[in-house]
PDB file of N, CA and C in Angstrom:
ATOM      1  N   UNK A   1       0.444  -1.076  -0.258  1.00  0.00           N
ATOM      2  CA  UNK A   1       0.194   0.065  -0.101  1.00  0.00           C
ATOM      3  C   UNK A   1       1.260   0.910  -0.209  1.00  0.00           C
ATOM      4  N   UNK A   2       1.735   1.458   0.380  1.00  0.00           N
ATOM      5  CA  UNK A   2       3.157   2.171   0.887  1.00  0.00           C
ATOM      6  C   UNK A   2       3.621   2.916  -0.771  1.00  0.00           C
ATOM      7  N   UNK A   3       3.978   1.797  -1.350  1.00  0.00           N
ATOM      8  CA  UNK A   3       4.643   1.850  -2.668  1.00  0.00           C
ATOM      9  C   UNK A   3       3.354   2.439  -3.423  1.00  0.00           C
ATOM     10  N   UNK A   4       1.925   1.626  -3.513  1.00  0.00           N
ATOM     11  CA  UNK A   4       1.028   2.577  -4.576  1.00  0.00           C
ATOM     12  C   UNK A   4       1.131   4.227  -4.192  1.00  0.00           C
ATOM     13  N   UNK A   5       0.576   4.060  -2.930  1.00  0.00           N
ATOM     14  CA  UNK A   5       0.761   5.346  -2.474  1.00  0.00           C
ATOM     15  C   UNK A   5       2.013   6.728  -2.931  1.00  0.00           C
ATOM     16  N   UNK A   6       3.077   5.845  -2.574  1.00  0.00           N
ATOM     17  CA  UNK A   6       3.928   7.010  -3.018  1.00  0.00           C
ATOM     18  C   UNK A   6       4.175   7.225  -4.616  1.00  0.00           C
ATOM     19  N   UNK A   7       3.819   6.196  -5.424  1.00  0.00           N
ATOM     20  CA  UNK A   7       3.439   6.234  -6.799  1.00  0.00           C
ATOM     21  C   UNK A   7       3.326   7.748  -6.928  1.00  0.00           C
ATOM     22  N   UNK A   8       2.000   7.211  -6.563  1.00  0.00           N
ATOM     23  CA  UNK A   8       0.167   8.666  -6.688  1.00  0.00           C
ATOM     24  C   UNK A   8       0.771   9.800  -6.025  1.00  0.00           C
ATOM     25  N   UNK A   9       1.447   9.784  -4.963  1.00  0.00           N
ATOM     26  CA  UNK A   9       1.795  10.863  -4.382  1.00  0.00           C
ATOM     27  C   UNK A   9       3.164  12.113  -5.925  1.00  0.00           C
ATOM     28  N   UNK A  10       3.891  11.149  -5.859  1.00  0.00           N
ATOM     29  CA  UNK A  10       4.793  11.499  -6.998  1.00  0.00           C
ATOM     30  C   UNK A  10       4.248  11.783  -8.176  1.00  0.00           C
ATOM     31  N   UNK A  11       3.311  10.821  -8.535  1.00  0.00           N
ATOM     32  CA  UNK A  11       2.806  11.669  -9.639  1.00  0.00           C
ATOM     33  C   UNK A  11       1.357  12.630  -9.849  1.00  0.00           C
ATOM     34  N   UNK A  12       1.362  12.778  -8.855  1.00  0.00           N
ATOM     35  CA  UNK A  12       0.467  14.278  -8.428  1.00  0.00           C
ATOM     36  C   UNK A  12       1.083  15.757  -8.169  1.00  0.00           C
ATOM     37  N   UNK A  13       2.235  15.026  -8.120  1.00  0.00           N
ATOM     38  CA  UNK A  13       3.324  16.184  -7.609  1.00  0.00           C
ATOM     39  C   UNK A  13       4.260  16.729  -8.714  1.00  0.00           C
ATOM     40  N   UNK A  14       4.010  16.081  -9.642  1.00  0.00           N
ATOM     41  CA  UNK A  14       4.654  16.490 -10.743  1.00  0.00           C
ATOM     42  C   UNK A  14       3.731  16.240 -11.738  1.00  0.00           C
ATOM     43  N   UNK A  15       2.328  16.714 -11.730  1.00  0.00           N
ATOM     44  CA  UNK A  15       0.977  16.586 -12.977  1.00  0.00           C
ATOM     45  C   UNK A  15       1.295  17.856 -14.029  1.00  0.00           C
ATOM     46  N   UNK A  16       1.248  17.342 -14.870  1.00  0.00           N
ATOM     47  CA  UNK A  16       1.278  18.188 -16.477  1.00  0.00           C
ATOM     48  C   UNK A  16       0.201  17.145 -16.797  1.00  0.00           C
ATOM     49  N   UNK A  17      -1.171  18.045 -17.290  1.00  0.00           N
ATOM     50  CA  UNK A  17      -2.120  18.102 -17.933  1.00  0.00           C
ATOM     51  C   UNK A  17      -1.909  17.449 -19.304  1.00  0.00           C
ATOM     52  N   UNK A  18      -1.063  18.135 -19.417  1.00  0.00           N
ATOM     53  CA  UNK A  18      -0.854  17.588 -21.480  1.00  0.00           C
ATOM     54  C   UNK A  18       0.041  16.620 -21.513  1.00  0.00           C
ATOM     55  N   UNK A  19       0.537  16.141 -20.574  1.00  0.00           N
ATOM     56  CA  UNK A  19       1.108  14.681 -20.941  1.00  0.00           C
ATOM     57  C   UNK A  19      -0.221  13.722 -20.229  1.00  0.00           C
ATOM     58  N   UNK A  20      -0.369  14.041 -19.252  1.00  0.00           N
ATOM     59  CA  UNK A  20      -1.012  12.884 -18.527  1.00  0.00           C
ATOM     60  C   UNK A  20      -2.429  12.475 -19.716  1.00  0.00           C
ATOM     61  N   UNK A  21      -3.110  13.832 -20.552  1.00  0.00           N
ATOM     62  CA  UNK A  21      -4.364  13.368 -21.269  1.00  0.00           C
ATOM     63  C   UNK A  21      -4.382  13.739 -22.953  1.00  0.00           C
ATOM     64  N   UNK A  22      -2.879  13.462 -23.223  1.00  0.00           N
ATOM     65  CA  UNK A  22      -2.608  13.301 -24.627  1.00  0.00           C
ATOM     66  C   UNK A  22      -2.935  11.981 -25.020  1.00  0.00           C
ATOM     67  N   UNK A  23      -3.755  11.603 -26.232  1.00  0.00           N
ATOM     68  CA  UNK A  23      -3.988  10.494 -27.096  1.00  0.00           C
ATOM     69  C   UNK A  23      -3.869  10.434 -28.288  1.00  0.00           C
ATOM     70  N   UNK A  24      -3.448   9.304 -28.874  1.00  0.00           N
ATOM     71  CA  UNK A  24      -2.963   9.684 -30.482  1.00  0.00           C
ATOM     72  C   UNK A  24      -3.962   9.893 -30.928  1.00  0.00           C
ATOM     73  N   UNK A  25      -4.323  10.204 -32.507  1.00  0.00           N
ATOM     74  CA  UNK A  25      -5.220  10.339 -33.380  1.00  0.00           C
ATOM     75  C   UNK A  25      -5.600   8.634 -33.006  1.00  0.00           C
ATOM     76  N   UNK A  26      -7.047   9.246 -32.964  1.00  0.00           N
ATOM     77  CA  UNK A  26      -8.313   8.031 -33.483  1.00  0.00           C
ATOM     78  C   UNK A  26      -8.119   6.770 -32.151  1.00  0.00           C
ATOM     79  N   UNK A  27      -7.903   7.503 -30.899  1.00  0.00           N
ATOM     80  CA  UNK A  27      -8.095   6.129 -29.546  1.00  0.00           C
ATOM     81  C   UNK A  27      -9.236   6.365 -28.994  1.00  0.00           C
ATOM     82  N   UNK A  28     -10.050   6.724 -29.593  1.00  0.00           N
ATOM     83  CA  UNK A  28     -11.420   6.832 -29.147  1.00  0.00           C
ATOM     84  C   UNK A  28     -12.490   6.358 -30.379  1.00  0.00           C
ATOM     85  N   UNK A  29     -11.641   6.002 -31.271  1.00  0.00           N
ATOM     86  CA  UNK A  29     -12.752   6.033 -32.932  1.00  0.00           C
ATOM     87  C   UNK A  29     -13.333   3.988 -32.626  1.00  0.00           C
ATOM     88  N   UNK A  30     -14.887   3.819 -33.106  1.00  0.00           N
ATOM     89  CA  UNK A  30     -15.163   2.713 -32.815  1.00  0.00           C
ATOM     90  C   UNK A  30     -14.257   1.742 -33.907  1.00  0.00           C
ATOM     91  N   UNK A  31     -13.369   1.422 -33.913  1.00  0.00           N
ATOM     92  CA  UNK A  31     -12.867   0.927 -34.570  1.00  0.00           C
ATOM     93  C   UNK A  31     -12.577  -1.057 -34.477  1.00  0.00           C
ATOM     94  N   UNK A  32     -12.420  -2.170 -35.262  1.00  0.00           N
ATOM     95  CA  UNK A  32     -12.424  -3.347 -34.429  1.00  0.00           C
ATOM     96  C   UNK A  32     -11.593  -3.824 -33.759  1.00  0.00           C
ATOM     97  N   UNK A  33     -10.152  -2.648 -33.762  1.00  0.00           N
ATOM     98  CA  UNK A  33      -9.302  -2.564 -32.719  1.00  0.00           C
ATOM     99  C   UNK A  33      -9.173  -1.973 -31.900  1.00  0.00           C
ATOM    100  N   UNK A  34     -10.184  -1.160 -31.284  1.00  0.00           N
ATOM    101  CA  UNK A  34     -10.915  -0.702 -30.039  1.00  0.00           C
ATOM    102  C   UNK A  34     -11.698  -2.002 -29.272  1.00  0.00           C
ATOM    103  N   UNK A  35     -12.501  -2.510 -30.314  1.00  0.00           N
ATOM    104  CA  UNK A  35     -13.286  -3.328 -29.606  1.00  0.00           C
ATOM    105  C   UNK A  35     -12.687  -5.055 -28.954  1.00  0.00           C
ATOM    106  N   UNK A  36     -11.489  -5.030 -29.749  1.00  0.00           N
ATOM    107  CA  UNK A  36     -10.816  -6.066 -29.442  1.00  0.00           C
ATOM    108  C   UNK A  36      -9.849  -5.584 -27.719  1.00  0.00           C
ATOM    109  N   UNK A  37      -9.146  -4.520 -28.039  1.00  0.00           N
ATOM    110  CA  UNK A  37      -8.768  -3.852 -26.477  1.00  0.00           C
ATOM    111  C   UNK A  37      -9.706  -4.001 -25.733  1.00  0.00           C
ATOM    112  N   UNK A  38     -11.375  -3.594 -25.850  1.00  0.00           N
ATOM    113  CA  UNK A  38     -11.820  -3.459 -24.934  1.00  0.00           C
ATOM    114  C   UNK A  38     -12.423  -4.729 -24.240  1.00  0.00           C
ATOM    115  N   UNK A  39     -12.383  -5.992 -25.492  1.00  0.00           N
ATOM    116  CA  UNK A  39     -12.702  -7.121 -25.166  1.00  0.00           C
ATOM    117  C   UNK A  39     -11.400  -7.814 -24.066  1.00  0.00           C
ATOM    118  N   UNK A  40     -10.287  -7.187 -24.043  1.00  0.00           N
ATOM    119  CA  UNK A  40      -9.337  -7.947 -23.748  1.00  0.00           C
ATOM    120  C   UNK A  40      -9.217  -7.230 -22.631  1.00  0.00           C
ATOM    121  N   UNK A  41      -9.291  -5.866 -22.270  1.00  0.00           N
ATOM    122  CA  UNK A  41      -9.765  -5.538 -20.907  1.00  0.00           C
ATOM    123  C   UNK A  41     -10.822  -5.864 -20.196  1.00  0.00           C
ATOM    124  N   UNK A  42     -11.677  -6.081 -20.971  1.00  0.00           N
ATOM    125  CA  UNK A  42     -12.563  -6.776 -19.869  1.00  0.00           C
ATOM    126  C   UNK A  42     -12.501  -8.187 -19.443  1.00  0.00           C
ATOM    127  N   UNK A  43     -11.850  -8.965 -20.456  1.00  0.00           N
ATOM    128  CA  UNK A  43     -11.266 -10.461 -19.952  1.00  0.00           C
ATOM    129  C   UNK A  43     -10.232 -10.452 -18.534  1.00  0.00           C
ATOM    130  N   UNK A  44      -9.619  -9.470 -18.543  1.00  0.00           N
ATOM    131  CA  UNK A  44      -8.903  -9.401 -17.400  1.00  0.00           C
ATOM    132  C   UNK A  44      -9.234  -8.864 -15.943  1.00  0.00           C
ATOM    133  N   UNK A  45     -10.333  -7.803 -16.367  1.00  0.00           N
ATOM    134  CA  UNK A  45     -11.030  -6.689 -15.236  1.00  0.00           C
ATOM    135  C   UNK A  45     -11.900  -8.476 -14.585  1.00  0.00           C
ATOM    136  N   UNK A  46     -12.914  -8.976 -15.109  1.00  0.00           N
ATOM    137  CA  UNK A  46     -13.180 -10.338 -15.071  1.00  0.00           C
ATOM    138  C   UNK A  46     -13.077 -10.982 -14.187  1.00  0.00           C
ATOM    139  N   UNK A  47     -11.850 -11.503 -14.398  1.00  0.00           N
ATOM    140  CA  UNK A  47     -10.977 -12.394 -13.355  1.00  0.00           C
ATOM    141  C   UNK A  47     -10.338 -11.854 -12.247  1.00  0.00           C
ATOM    142  N   UNK A  48     -10.189 -10.668 -12.388  1.00  0.00           N
ATOM    143  CA  UNK A  48     -10.181  -9.739 -11.442  1.00  0.00           C
ATOM    144  C   UNK A  48     -10.782  -9.273  -9.935  1.00  0.00           C
ATOM    145  N   UNK A  49     -11.966  -9.274 -10.616  1.00  0.00           N
ATOM    146  CA  UNK A  49     -13.015  -9.282 -10.032  1.00  0.00           C
ATOM    147  C   UNK A  49     -13.592 -10.888  -9.593  1.00  0.00           C
ATOM    148  N   UNK A  50     -13.329 -11.998 -10.046  1.00  0.00           N
ATOM    149  CA  UNK A  50     -13.994 -12.929 -10.295  1.00  0.00           C
ATOM    150  C   UNK A  50     -13.810 -13.425  -8.531  1.00  0.00           C
ATOM    151  N   UNK A  51     -13.106 -13.044  -7.689  1.00  0.00           N
ATOM    152  CA  UNK A  51     -12.487 -13.488  -6.379  1.00  0.00           C
ATOM    153  C   UNK A  51     -13.743 -13.091  -5.248  1.00  0.00           C
ATOM    154  N   UNK A  52     -14.463 -12.387  -5.880  1.00  0.00           N
ATOM    155  CA  UNK A  52     -15.900 -11.837  -4.667  1.00  0.00           C
ATOM    156  C   UNK A  52     -16.889 -12.778  -4.982  1.00  0.00           C
ATOM    157  N   UNK A  53     -16.610 -13.850  -5.679  1.00  0.00           N
ATOM    158  CA  UNK A  53     -17.750 -14.683  -5.257  1.00  0.00           C
ATOM    159  C   UNK A  53     -16.963 -15.726  -4.269  1.00  0.00           C
ATOM    160  N   UNK A  54     -15.826 -15.897  -3.777  1.00  0.00           N
ATOM    161  CA  UNK A  54     -15.564 -16.528  -2.644  1.00  0.00           C
ATOM    162  C   UNK A  54     -16.158 -15.847  -1.336  1.00  0.00           C
ATOM    163  N   UNK A  55     -16.506 -15.038  -1.604  1.00  0.00           N
ATOM    164  CA  UNK A  55     -17.745 -13.480   0.160  1.00  0.00           C
ATOM    165  C   UNK A  55     -18.444 -14.804   0.361  1.00  0.00           C
ATOM    166  N   UNK A  56     -19.416 -15.502  -0.805  1.00  0.00           N
ATOM    167  CA  UNK A  56     -20.474 -16.168  -0.491  1.00  0.00           C
ATOM    168  C   UNK A  56     -20.313 -17.416   0.623  1.00  0.00           C
ATOM    169  N   UNK A  57     -19.153 -17.941   0.894  1.00  0.00           N
ATOM    170  CA  UNK A  57     -18.841 -18.778   1.720  1.00  0.00           C
ATOM    171  C   UNK A  57     -18.384 -18.610   2.886  1.00  0.00           C
ATOM    172  N   UNK A  58     -18.211 -16.783   3.127  1.00  0.00           N
ATOM    173  CA  UNK A  58     -18.564 -16.605   4.128  1.00  0.00           C
ATOM    174  C   UNK A  58     -19.685 -16.127   4.839  1.00  0.00           C
ATOM    175  N   UNK A  59     -20.506 -16.215   4.603  1.00  0.00           N
ATOM    176  CA  UNK A  59     -22.503 -15.932   4.296  1.00  0.00           C
ATOM    177  C   UNK A  59     -22.278 -16.426   5.818  1.00  0.00           C
ATOM    178  N   UNK A  60     -22.376 -17.289   6.257  1.00  0.00           N
ATOM    179  CA  UNK A  60     -22.760 -17.651   7.540  1.00  0.00           C
ATOM    180  C   UNK A  60     -21.734 -17.433   9.039  1.00  0.00           C
ATOM    181  N   UNK A  61     -20.778 -16.657   8.412  1.00  0.00           N
ATOM    182  CA  UNK A  61     -19.526 -16.508   9.507  1.00  0.00           C
ATOM    183  C   UNK A  61     -19.756 -15.257   9.996  1.00  0.00           C
ATOM    184  N   UNK A  62     -20.445 -14.018   9.125  1.00  0.00           N
ATOM    185  CA  UNK A  62     -20.688 -12.945   9.535  1.00  0.00           C
ATOM    186  C   UNK A  62     -22.091 -12.273  10.290  1.00  0.00           C
ATOM    187  N   UNK A  63     -21.595 -11.391  10.632  1.00  0.00           N
ATOM    188  CA  UNK A  63     -22.969 -10.993  11.994  1.00  0.00           C
ATOM    189  C   UNK A  63     -23.451  -9.784  10.722  1.00  0.00           C
ATOM    190  N   UNK A  64     -25.181 -10.183  10.392  1.00  0.00           N
ATOM    191  CA  UNK A  64     -25.808  -9.000   9.776  1.00  0.00           C
ATOM    192  C   UNK A  64     -25.239  -9.392   8.277  1.00  0.00           C
ATOM    193  N   UNK A  65     -25.314 -10.535   7.653  1.00  0.00           N
ATOM    194  CA  UNK A  65     -24.605 -11.019   6.282  1.00  0.00           C
ATOM    195  C   UNK A  65     -25.432 -10.129   5.208  1.00  0.00           C
ATOM    196  N   UNK A  66     -26.613  -9.796   5.451  1.00  0.00           N
ATOM    197  CA  UNK A  66     -27.412  -9.115   4.413  1.00  0.00           C
ATOM    198  C   UNK A  66     -26.834  -7.860   4.344  1.00  0.00           C
ATOM    199  N   UNK A  67     -26.814  -7.139   5.488  1.00  0.00           N
ATOM    200  CA  UNK A  67     -26.306  -5.656   5.330  1.00  0.00           C
ATOM    201  C   UNK A  67     -24.496  -5.876   5.189  1.00  0.00           C
ATOM    202  N   UNK A  68     -23.881  -6.560   5.822  1.00  0.00           N
ATOM    203  CA  UNK A  68     -22.653  -6.308   5.736  1.00  0.00           C
ATOM    204  C   UNK A  68     -21.662  -6.668   4.708  1.00  0.00           C
ATOM    205  N   UNK A  69     -21.837  -8.269   4.064  1.00  0.00           N
ATOM    206  CA  UNK A  69     -21.692  -8.316   2.974  1.00  0.00           C
ATOM    207  C   UNK A  69     -21.687  -7.493   1.531  1.00  0.00           C
ATOM    208  N   UNK A  70     -22.933  -7.061   0.832  1.00  0.00           N
ATOM    209  CA  UNK A  70     -22.858  -5.644   0.343  1.00  0.00           C
ATOM    210  C   UNK A  70     -22.498  -4.295   0.421  1.00  0.00           C
ATOM    211  N   UNK A  71     -22.531  -3.644   1.441  1.00  0.00           N
ATOM    212  CA  UNK A  71     -21.498  -2.635   1.729  1.00  0.00           C
ATOM    213  C   UNK A  71     -20.294  -3.286   1.821  1.00  0.00           C
ATOM    214  N   UNK A  72     -19.591  -4.134   2.207  1.00  0.00           N
ATOM    215  CA  UNK A  72     -17.771  -4.890   2.086  1.00  0.00           C
ATOM    216  C   UNK A  72     -17.507  -4.998   0.707  1.00  0.00           C
ATOM    217  N   UNK A  73     -18.220  -5.498  -0.159  1.00  0.00           N
ATOM    218  CA  UNK A  73     -18.511  -5.181  -1.415  1.00  0.00           C
ATOM    219  C   UNK A  73     -18.180  -4.041  -2.050  1.00  0.00           C
ATOM    220  N   UNK A  74     -19.383  -3.267  -2.274  1.00  0.00           N
ATOM    221  CA  UNK A  74     -18.914  -1.903  -2.871  1.00  0.00           C
ATOM    222  C   UNK A  74     -17.701  -1.095  -2.417  1.00  0.00           C
ATOM    223  N   UNK A  75     -17.740  -1.029  -1.309  1.00  0.00           N
ATOM    224  CA  UNK A  75     -16.670   0.056  -0.222  1.00  0.00           C
ATOM    225  C   UNK A  75     -15.148  -0.487  -1.056  1.00  0.00           C
ATOM    226  N   UNK A  76     -15.056  -2.351  -1.082  1.00  0.00           N
ATOM    227  CA  UNK A  76     -14.020  -2.466  -1.466  1.00  0.00           C
ATOM    228  C   UNK A  76     -13.619  -2.369  -3.497  1.00  0.00           C
ATOM    229  N   UNK A  77     -14.983  -2.406  -3.758  1.00  0.00           N
ATOM    230  CA  UNK A  77     -14.577  -2.308  -5.541  1.00  0.00           C
ATOM    231  C   UNK A  77     -14.470  -0.669  -5.510  1.00  0.00           C
ATOM    232  N   UNK A  78     -15.158   0.324  -4.591  1.00  0.00           N
ATOM    233  CA  UNK A  78     -14.731   1.710  -5.042  1.00  0.00           C
ATOM    234  C   UNK A  78     -13.711   2.171  -4.740  1.00  0.00           C
ATOM    235  N   UNK A  79     -13.019   1.502  -3.658  1.00  0.00           N
ATOM    236  CA  UNK A  79     -11.643   1.920  -3.018  1.00  0.00           C
ATOM    237  C   UNK A  79     -10.250   1.541  -3.614  1.00  0.00           C
ATOM    238  N   UNK A  80     -10.538   0.141  -4.829  1.00  0.00           N
ATOM    239  CA  UNK A  80      -9.488  -0.772  -5.586  1.00  0.00           C
ATOM    240  C   UNK A  80     -10.348   0.204  -7.008  1.00  0.00           C
ATOM    241  N   UNK A  81     -11.146   0.928  -7.518  1.00  0.00           N
ATOM    242  CA  UNK A  81     -11.582   1.963  -8.510  1.00  0.00           C
ATOM    243  C   UNK A  81     -10.687   3.358  -8.702  1.00  0.00           C
ATOM    244  N   UNK A  82     -10.599   3.576  -7.259  1.00  0.00           N
ATOM    245  CA  UNK A  82     -10.518   4.956  -7.263  1.00  0.00           C
ATOM    246  C   UNK A  82      -8.686   5.116  -6.768  1.00  0.00           C
ATOM    247  N   UNK A  83      -8.202   3.615  -6.389  1.00  0.00           N
ATOM    248  CA  UNK A  83      -6.735   3.515  -5.970  1.00  0.00           C
ATOM    249  C   UNK A  83      -6.197   3.259  -7.532  1.00  0.00           C
ATOM    250  N   UNK A  84      -6.911   2.803  -8.435  1.00  0.00           N
ATOM    251  CA  UNK A  84      -6.216   2.393  -9.937  1.00  0.00           C
ATOM    252  C   UNK A  84      -6.255   3.747 -10.829  1.00  0.00           C
ATOM    253  N   UNK A  85      -7.424   4.493 -10.700  1.00  0.00           N
ATOM    254  CA  UNK A  85      -7.617   5.208 -11.603  1.00  0.00           C
ATOM    255  C   UNK A  85      -6.485   6.317 -11.183  1.00  0.00           C
ATOM    256  N   UNK A  86      -6.275   6.920  -9.851  1.00  0.00           N
ATOM    257  CA  UNK A  86      -5.266   7.522  -9.668  1.00  0.00           C
ATOM    258  C   UNK A  86      -3.680   7.042  -9.827  1.00  0.00           C
ATOM    259  N   UNK A  87      -3.735   5.953  -9.929  1.00  0.00           N
ATOM    260  CA  UNK A  87      -1.932   5.752  -9.793  1.00  0.00           C
ATOM    261  C   UNK A  87      -1.958   5.381 -11.867  1.00  0.00           C
ATOM    262  N   UNK A  88      -3.137   5.016 -12.359  1.00  0.00           N
ATOM    263  CA  UNK A  88      -2.698   5.190 -14.106  1.00  0.00           C
ATOM    264  C   UNK A  88      -2.506   6.766 -14.189  1.00  0.00           C
ATOM    265  N   UNK A  89      -3.373   7.746 -13.501  1.00  0.00           N
ATOM    266  CA  UNK A  89      -3.356   9.433 -14.258  1.00  0.00           C
ATOM    267  C   UNK A  89      -1.349   9.456 -13.567  1.00  0.00           C
ATOM    268  N   UNK A  90      -1.475   9.390 -12.471  1.00  0.00           N
ATOM    269  CA  UNK A  90      -0.349   9.666 -11.792  1.00  0.00           C
ATOM    270  C   UNK A  90       1.018   8.753 -12.993  1.00  0.00           C
ATOM    271  N   UNK A  91       0.893   7.822 -13.116  1.00  0.00           N
ATOM    272  CA  UNK A  91       1.947   7.138 -14.104  1.00  0.00           C
ATOM    273  C   UNK A  91       1.832   7.298 -15.716  1.00  0.00           C
ATOM    274  N   UNK A  92       0.451   7.817 -16.139  1.00  0.00           N
ATOM    275  CA  UNK A  92       0.905   8.461 -17.047  1.00  0.00           C
ATOM    276  C   UNK A  92       1.370   9.998 -17.336  1.00  0.00           C
ATOM    277  N   UNK A  93       1.456  10.570 -16.295  1.00  0.00           N
ATOM    278  CA  UNK A  93       2.578  11.573 -16.230  1.00  0.00           C
ATOM    279  C   UNK A  93       4.036  11.274 -16.419  1.00  0.00           C
ATOM    280  N   UNK A  94       4.575  10.262 -16.209  1.00  0.00           N
ATOM    281  CA  UNK A  94       5.952   9.590 -16.452  1.00  0.00           C
ATOM    282  C   UNK A  94       5.890   9.426 -17.624  1.00  0.00           C
ATOM    283  N   UNK A  95       4.853   8.479 -17.942  1.00  0.00           N
ATOM    284  CA  UNK A  95       4.938   7.603 -19.380  1.00  0.00           C
ATOM    285  C   UNK A  95       3.605   8.102 -20.041  1.00  0.00           C
ATOM    286  N   UNK A  96       3.744   8.937 -21.278  1.00  0.00           N
ATOM    287  CA  UNK A  96       2.653   9.474 -21.863  1.00  0.00           C
ATOM    288  C   UNK A  96       2.459   9.125 -22.951  1.00  0.00           C
ATOM    289  N   UNK A  97       1.315   8.518 -22.978  1.00  0.00           N
ATOM    290  CA  UNK A  97       0.535   7.072 -23.326  1.00  0.00           C
ATOM    291  C   UNK A  97       1.152   7.118 -25.100  1.00  0.00           C
ATOM    292  N   UNK A  98       1.373   8.642 -26.039  1.00  0.00           N
ATOM    293  CA  UNK A  98       1.961   8.668 -27.084  1.00  0.00           C
ATOM    294  C   UNK A  98       3.009   7.659 -27.403  1.00  0.00           C
ATOM    295  N   UNK A  99       4.039   8.053 -26.363  1.00  0.00           N
ATOM    296  CA  UNK A  99       5.367   6.412 -26.594  1.00  0.00           C
ATOM    297  C   UNK A  99       4.990   5.278 -26.355  1.00  0.00           C
ATOM    298  N   UNK A 100       3.594   4.550 -25.926  1.00  0.00           N
ATOM    299  CA  UNK A 100       3.437   2.800 -26.271  1.00  0.00           C
ATOM    300  C   UNK A 100       3.607   2.415 -27.443  1.00  0.00           C
ATOM    301  N   UNK A 101       2.839   2.845 -28.425  1.00  0.00           N
ATOM    302  CA  UNK A 101       2.670   1.969 -29.492  1.00  0.00           C
ATOM    303  C   UNK A 101       3.853   1.482 -30.469  1.00  0.00           C
ATOM    304  N   UNK A 102       3.537   0.802 -30.726  1.00  0.00           N
ATOM    305  CA  UNK A 102       5.252  -0.001 -31.339  1.00  0.00           C
ATOM    306  C   UNK A 102       6.396  -0.147 -30.897  1.00  0.00           C
ATOM    307  N   UNK A 103       6.012   0.292 -29.670  1.00  0.00           N
ATOM    308  CA  UNK A 103       7.161  -0.434 -28.606  1.00  0.00           C
ATOM    309  C   UNK A 103       7.572  -1.532 -28.358  1.00  0.00           C
ATOM    310  N   UNK A 104       9.304  -1.655 -27.799  1.00  0.00           N
ATOM    311  CA  UNK A 104       9.356  -3.442 -27.921  1.00  0.00           C
ATOM    312  C   UNK A 104       8.845  -3.651 -26.262  1.00  0.00           C
ATOM    313  N   UNK A 105       9.506  -2.698 -25.268  1.00  0.00           N
ATOM    314  CA  UNK A 105       9.459  -2.353 -24.125  1.00  0.00           C
ATOM    315  C   UNK A 105       9.030  -0.994 -23.319  1.00  0.00           C
ATOM    316  N   UNK A 106       7.568  -0.721 -23.208  1.00  0.00           N
ATOM    317  CA  UNK A 106       7.200   0.385 -22.755  1.00  0.00           C
ATOM    318  C   UNK A 106       7.704   0.763 -21.698  1.00  0.00           C
ATOM    319  N   UNK A 107       7.937   0.041 -21.020  1.00  0.00           N
ATOM    320  CA  UNK A 107       8.320  -0.052 -19.261  1.00  0.00           C
ATOM    321  C   UNK A 107       9.330   0.798 -19.196  1.00  0.00           C
ATOM    322  N   UNK A 108      10.499   0.237 -20.294  1.00  0.00           N
ATOM    323  CA  UNK A 108      11.663   1.281 -20.505  1.00  0.00           C
ATOM    324  C   UNK A 108      11.612   2.663 -21.209  1.00  0.00           C
ATOM    325  N   UNK A 109      10.292   2.542 -21.703  1.00  0.00           N
ATOM    326  CA  UNK A 109      10.285   3.900 -22.828  1.00  0.00           C
ATOM    327  C   UNK A 109       9.890   4.825 -21.491  1.00  0.00           C
ATOM    328  N   UNK A 110       9.268   4.507 -20.786  1.00  0.00           N
ATOM    329  CA  UNK A 110       9.034   5.171 -19.000  1.00  0.00           C
ATOM    330  C   UNK A 110       9.619   5.513 -18.281  1.00  0.00           C
ATOM    331  N   UNK A 111      10.325   4.749 -18.352  1.00  0.00           N
ATOM    332  CA  UNK A 111      11.962   5.082 -17.148  1.00  0.00           C
ATOM    333  C   UNK A 111      12.669   6.084 -18.141  1.00  0.00           C
ATOM    334  N   UNK A 112      12.965   6.046 -19.488  1.00  0.00           N
ATOM    335  CA  UNK A 112      13.289   7.166 -20.180  1.00  0.00           C
ATOM    336  C   UNK A 112      12.866   8.620 -20.193  1.00  0.00           C
ATOM    337  N   UNK A 113      11.575   8.934 -20.099  1.00  0.00           N
ATOM    338  CA  UNK A 113      11.140   9.969 -19.937  1.00  0.00           C
ATOM    339  C   UNK A 113      11.348  10.200 -18.391  1.00  0.00           C
ATOM    340  N   UNK A 114      11.179   9.449 -17.644  1.00  0.00           N
ATOM    341  CA  UNK A 114      11.492  10.053 -16.361  1.00  0.00           C
ATOM    342  C   UNK A 114      12.767  10.721 -16.078  1.00  0.00           C
ATOM    343  N   UNK A 115      14.008   9.496 -16.452  1.00  0.00           N
ATOM    344  CA  UNK A 115      15.152   9.876 -15.931  1.00  0.00           C
ATOM    345  C   UNK A 115      16.001  10.503 -16.851  1.00  0.00           C
TER     346      UNK A 115
END
């Protein structure tokens, strides 16, 4: 958790909207590649959230499960979404989106921009 907060704080102290929100031309056009990328992202997200199914096994162990389990699920999804979005915005400051396409090692490009 400390590393995540460190990345977020560092990213937002060096924040530059021109770098963070610059997208390549046609990034949001409804092309077959857009839907291919969207489907791939949804597949990963489905497997990421599949762990919430395990909460069903704990229903008998929790006090007032009808109230506490939905509350815990919604709050944890909200917290993870906030951390994920803020971390991605913070990382986009150090690694602009225009530098990613057709690169064999995008992480090295990010480090090059940073240092």
